[in-house]
């Protein structure tokens, strides 16, 4: 009886390991920053943001529930944000003239934990969707102007955790190498209070599955 139980446990363990794959991934990420309902007209000058480009890198574990349905968890490092510029003016005599522009860059360094469900339409191609939990490790605003001796200041008002729903696709070139693309939706305010700030981002990259 003990031998039978041991054999069953070994069989279940072997089956579980056979259904779980591990790997690494990296790629390009492009994020967009948006301010919703700026509190006054002054801040509207700052609310027209350009996107921020960066990279992401990390690892993943994929567990098959059936031959077509799988759950995947990841651990990713990346940066999100955006940049904007505002006109500066000087008072010369009785005239106000433009004296240049000031560029502001917002940077949110994150450890992300995307959790997704994947459905394989065919062996090499799958669609996926889930939630990306972003843990902020550093948030800064940088300027090309120096104020009080600093050109970089920490953003204190950012939530420690942000949640981004996402959808995407994945294509396998062979058993090991694949490409994936996904879009993460900025549906909630990343700040604790103050200006309602949303971040959305697109990412595309390559991965390697060890098993």
Protein backbone atom coordinates (compact mmCIF):
# COMPACT_ATOMS: atom_id res chain seq x y z
CA UNK A 1 0.00 0.00 0.00
CA UNK A 2 2.81 2.39 0.89
CA UNK A 3 4.50 1.60 -2.42
CA UNK A 4 1.29 2.37 -4.32
CA UNK A 5 0.86 5.71 -2.54
CA UNK A 6 4.50 6.58 -3.20
CA UNK A 7 4.12 5.71 -6.89
CA UNK A 8 0.96 7.85 -7.11
CA UNK A 9 2.72 10.81 -5.48
CA UNK A 10 5.65 10.45 -7.87
CA UNK A 11 3.26 10.27 -10.81
CA UNK A 12 1.37 13.41 -9.72
CA UNK A 13 4.65 15.24 -9.09
CA UNK A 14 5.98 14.24 -12.49
CA UNK A 15 2.73 15.30 -14.18
CA UNK A 16 2.77 18.68 -12.41
CA UNK A 17 6.37 19.36 -13.40
CA UNK A 18 5.63 18.33 -16.98
CA UNK A 19 2.81 20.91 -17.11
CA UNK A 20 4.89 23.80 -15.78
CA UNK A 21 7.38 25.78 -17.87
CA UNK A 22 9.88 28.42 -16.78
CA UNK A 23 11.67 31.05 -18.81
CA UNK A 24 13.03 34.57 -19.24
CA UNK A 25 11.84 37.50 -21.32
CA UNK A 26 12.85 41.03 -22.29
CA UNK A 27 11.76 43.73 -24.67
CA UNK A 28 10.62 47.27 -25.43
CA UNK A 29 7.99 49.24 -23.54
CA UNK A 30 6.30 52.52 -24.45
CA UNK A 31 4.23 54.28 -21.79
CA UNK A 32 1.83 57.21 -21.95
CA UNK A 33 1.06 59.54 -19.04
CA UNK A 34 -2.26 61.35 -18.80
CA UNK A 35 -3.66 63.84 -16.31
CA UNK A 36 -7.42 63.67 -15.82
CA UNK A 37 -9.33 66.78 -14.72
CA UNK A 38 -6.43 69.14 -13.96
CA UNK A 39 -7.42 71.23 -10.91
CA UNK A 40 -6.80 74.60 -12.56
CA UNK A 41 -5.71 76.18 -15.84
CA UNK A 42 -2.11 76.55 -14.66
CA UNK A 43 -1.59 72.78 -14.66
CA UNK A 44 -3.14 72.42 -18.12
CA UNK A 45 0.12 73.77 -19.54
CA UNK A 46 1.89 70.69 -18.13
CA UNK A 47 -0.68 68.07 -19.12
CA UNK A 48 0.33 67.47 -22.75
CA UNK A 49 2.72 64.53 -22.33
CA UNK A 50 5.00 62.74 -24.78
CA UNK A 51 5.44 59.00 -24.33
CA UNK A 52 8.40 57.37 -22.57
CA UNK A 53 10.38 54.49 -24.09
CA UNK A 54 12.25 51.98 -21.97
CA UNK A 55 13.01 48.27 -21.67
CA UNK A 56 11.66 45.47 -19.51
CA UNK A 57 13.35 42.28 -18.32
CA UNK A 58 12.27 39.40 -16.12
CA UNK A 59 11.17 35.80 -15.81
CA UNK A 60 7.97 33.77 -15.87
CA UNK A 61 6.32 30.48 -14.96
CA UNK A 62 3.56 28.98 -17.11
CA UNK A 63 1.33 26.18 -15.82
CA UNK A 64 -0.99 24.26 -18.16
CA UNK A 65 -4.44 23.43 -16.82
CA UNK A 66 -5.42 21.71 -20.08
CA UNK A 67 -3.74 21.32 -23.46
CA UNK A 68 -5.09 24.75 -24.48
CA UNK A 69 -5.54 26.69 -21.24
CA UNK A 70 -2.68 27.91 -19.04
CA UNK A 71 -2.01 30.29 -16.17
CA UNK A 72 1.11 32.45 -16.19
CA UNK A 73 2.88 34.49 -13.54
CA UNK A 74 5.79 36.86 -14.20
CA UNK A 75 8.31 39.01 -12.35
CA UNK A 76 9.37 42.05 -14.41
CA UNK A 77 11.48 45.19 -13.91
CA UNK A 78 10.72 48.28 -15.99
CA UNK A 79 10.14 52.04 -15.93
CA UNK A 80 6.99 53.95 -16.86
CA UNK A 81 6.37 57.64 -17.29
CA UNK A 82 6.17 60.53 -19.69
CA UNK A 83 7.63 63.94 -20.44
CA UNK A 84 6.25 67.38 -21.10
CA UNK A 85 7.49 70.91 -21.73
CA UNK A 86 6.10 74.24 -20.57
CA UNK A 87 6.88 77.71 -21.89
CA UNK A 88 8.77 80.10 -19.62
CA UNK A 89 8.21 83.85 -19.78
CA UNK A 90 10.22 86.89 -18.66
CA UNK A 91 9.03 90.39 -17.86
CA UNK A 92 11.15 92.84 -19.85
CA UNK A 93 10.07 96.40 -19.17
CA UNK A 94 6.34 96.39 -19.76
CA UNK A 95 6.44 93.39 -22.06
CA UNK A 96 6.18 89.69 -21.33
CA UNK A 97 8.32 87.65 -23.68
CA UNK A 98 8.95 83.94 -23.96
CA UNK A 99 12.27 83.04 -22.36
CA UNK A 100 12.47 79.38 -23.34
CA UNK A 101 10.93 76.11 -22.25
CA UNK A 102 11.30 73.82 -19.26
CA UNK A 103 11.21 70.06 -19.81
CA UNK A 104 9.81 67.78 -17.10
CA UNK A 105 10.30 64.01 -17.09
CA UNK A 106 8.24 61.71 -14.87
CA UNK A 107 9.78 58.33 -14.06
CA UNK A 108 8.16 55.44 -12.19
CA UNK A 109 10.50 52.49 -11.60
CA UNK A 110 8.49 49.34 -10.94
CA UNK A 111 8.73 45.68 -10.10
CA UNK A 112 5.73 44.24 -11.92
CA UNK A 113 3.90 40.96 -11.31
CA UNK A 114 1.58 40.21 -14.26
CA UNK A 115 -0.86 37.33 -13.70
CA UNK A 116 -2.66 36.07 -16.80
CA UNK A 117 -4.81 33.35 -18.30
CA UNK A 118 -3.67 32.10 -21.73
CA UNK A 119 -5.66 30.28 -24.38
CA UNK A 120 -3.81 28.51 -27.19
CA UNK A 121 -5.82 28.89 -30.39
CA UNK A 122 -3.21 26.71 -32.10
CA UNK A 123 -0.02 25.17 -30.72
CA UNK A 124 2.11 28.19 -31.62
CA UNK A 125 -0.32 31.05 -31.05
CA UNK A 126 -2.15 32.14 -27.91
CA UNK A 127 -4.18 35.06 -26.60
CA UNK A 128 -3.99 36.20 -22.99
CA UNK A 129 -5.45 38.60 -20.50
CA UNK A 130 -5.05 39.41 -16.85
CA UNK A 131 -3.90 41.95 -14.29
CA UNK A 132 -0.46 43.51 -13.88
CA UNK A 133 0.45 44.47 -10.31
CA UNK A 134 3.07 47.23 -10.36
CA UNK A 135 5.06 47.81 -7.17
CA UNK A 136 6.69 51.26 -7.22
CA UNK A 137 10.31 51.18 -6.05
CA UNK A 138 11.25 54.72 -7.10
CA UNK A 139 9.28 57.69 -8.49
CA UNK A 140 10.97 60.89 -9.64
CA UNK A 141 10.44 64.05 -11.63
CA UNK A 142 13.45 65.40 -13.51
CA UNK A 143 13.89 68.83 -15.02
CA UNK A 144 16.45 70.46 -17.30
CA UNK A 145 16.33 73.40 -14.85
CA UNK A 146 17.97 73.41 -11.43
CA UNK A 147 15.74 74.56 -8.57
CA UNK A 148 17.27 74.95 -5.11
CA UNK A 149 20.32 73.03 -6.31
CA UNK A 150 18.30 70.03 -7.54
CA UNK A 151 17.25 68.90 -11.01
CA UNK A 152 15.59 65.70 -9.74
CA UNK A 153 12.99 65.34 -7.00
CA UNK A 154 11.23 62.35 -5.51
CA UNK A 155 7.48 62.05 -6.04
CA UNK A 156 6.03 61.35 -2.60
CA UNK A 157 2.38 61.09 -3.56
CA UNK A 158 2.53 57.88 -5.63
CA UNK A 159 0.68 54.74 -4.53
CA UNK A 160 2.95 51.85 -3.60
CA UNK A 161 0.94 49.43 -5.78
CA UNK A 162 -0.76 50.11 -9.13
CA UNK A 163 -2.97 47.64 -11.00
CA UNK A 164 -3.14 47.51 -14.81
CA UNK A 165 -5.56 45.20 -16.68
CA UNK A 166 -3.96 43.91 -19.88
CA UNK A 167 -4.57 41.86 -23.02
CA UNK A 168 -2.04 40.41 -25.44
CA UNK A 169 -0.89 37.72 -27.82
CA UNK A 170 2.04 35.31 -27.97
CA UNK A 171 3.63 33.43 -30.87
CA UNK A 172 6.09 30.55 -30.53
CA UNK A 173 8.74 30.16 -33.23
CA UNK A 174 9.73 26.80 -31.76
CA UNK A 175 9.59 25.00 -28.39
CA UNK A 176 11.89 27.55 -26.75
CA UNK A 177 11.74 30.95 -28.46
CA UNK A 178 8.63 33.14 -28.60
CA UNK A 179 7.51 36.72 -29.16
CA UNK A 180 4.74 38.47 -27.29
CA UNK A 181 2.92 41.79 -27.33
CA UNK A 182 0.41 43.27 -24.92
CA UNK A 183 -1.33 46.47 -23.92
CA UNK A 184 -1.77 47.55 -20.29
CA UNK A 185 -4.68 49.88 -19.54
CA UNK A 186 -4.32 52.80 -17.14
CA UNK A 187 -7.80 52.79 -15.63
CA UNK A 188 -7.01 54.03 -12.12
CA UNK A 189 -5.20 56.93 -10.49
CA UNK A 190 -1.59 56.09 -9.60
CA UNK A 191 -1.49 58.94 -7.05
CA UNK A 192 -2.78 58.82 -3.48
CA UNK A 193 -4.31 62.29 -3.83
CA UNK A 194 -4.05 65.41 -5.94
CA UNK A 195 -4.00 65.27 -9.73
CA UNK A 196 -5.64 62.15 -11.17
CA UNK A 197 -2.76 60.56 -13.10
CA UNK A 198 -3.12 57.51 -15.38
CA UNK A 199 -0.39 55.45 -17.06
CA UNK A 200 -1.02 53.11 -20.00
CA UNK A 201 1.68 51.17 -21.81
CA UNK A 202 2.39 48.91 -24.77
CA UNK A 203 5.11 46.30 -24.70
CA UNK A 204 6.63 43.89 -27.20
CA UNK A 205 9.52 41.49 -26.74
CA UNK A 206 11.12 38.07 -26.99
CA UNK A 207 11.30 35.22 -24.52
CA UNK A 208 13.03 31.91 -23.98
CA UNK A 209 11.26 28.95 -22.38
CA UNK A 210 13.65 26.52 -20.70
CA UNK A 211 11.28 23.59 -20.50
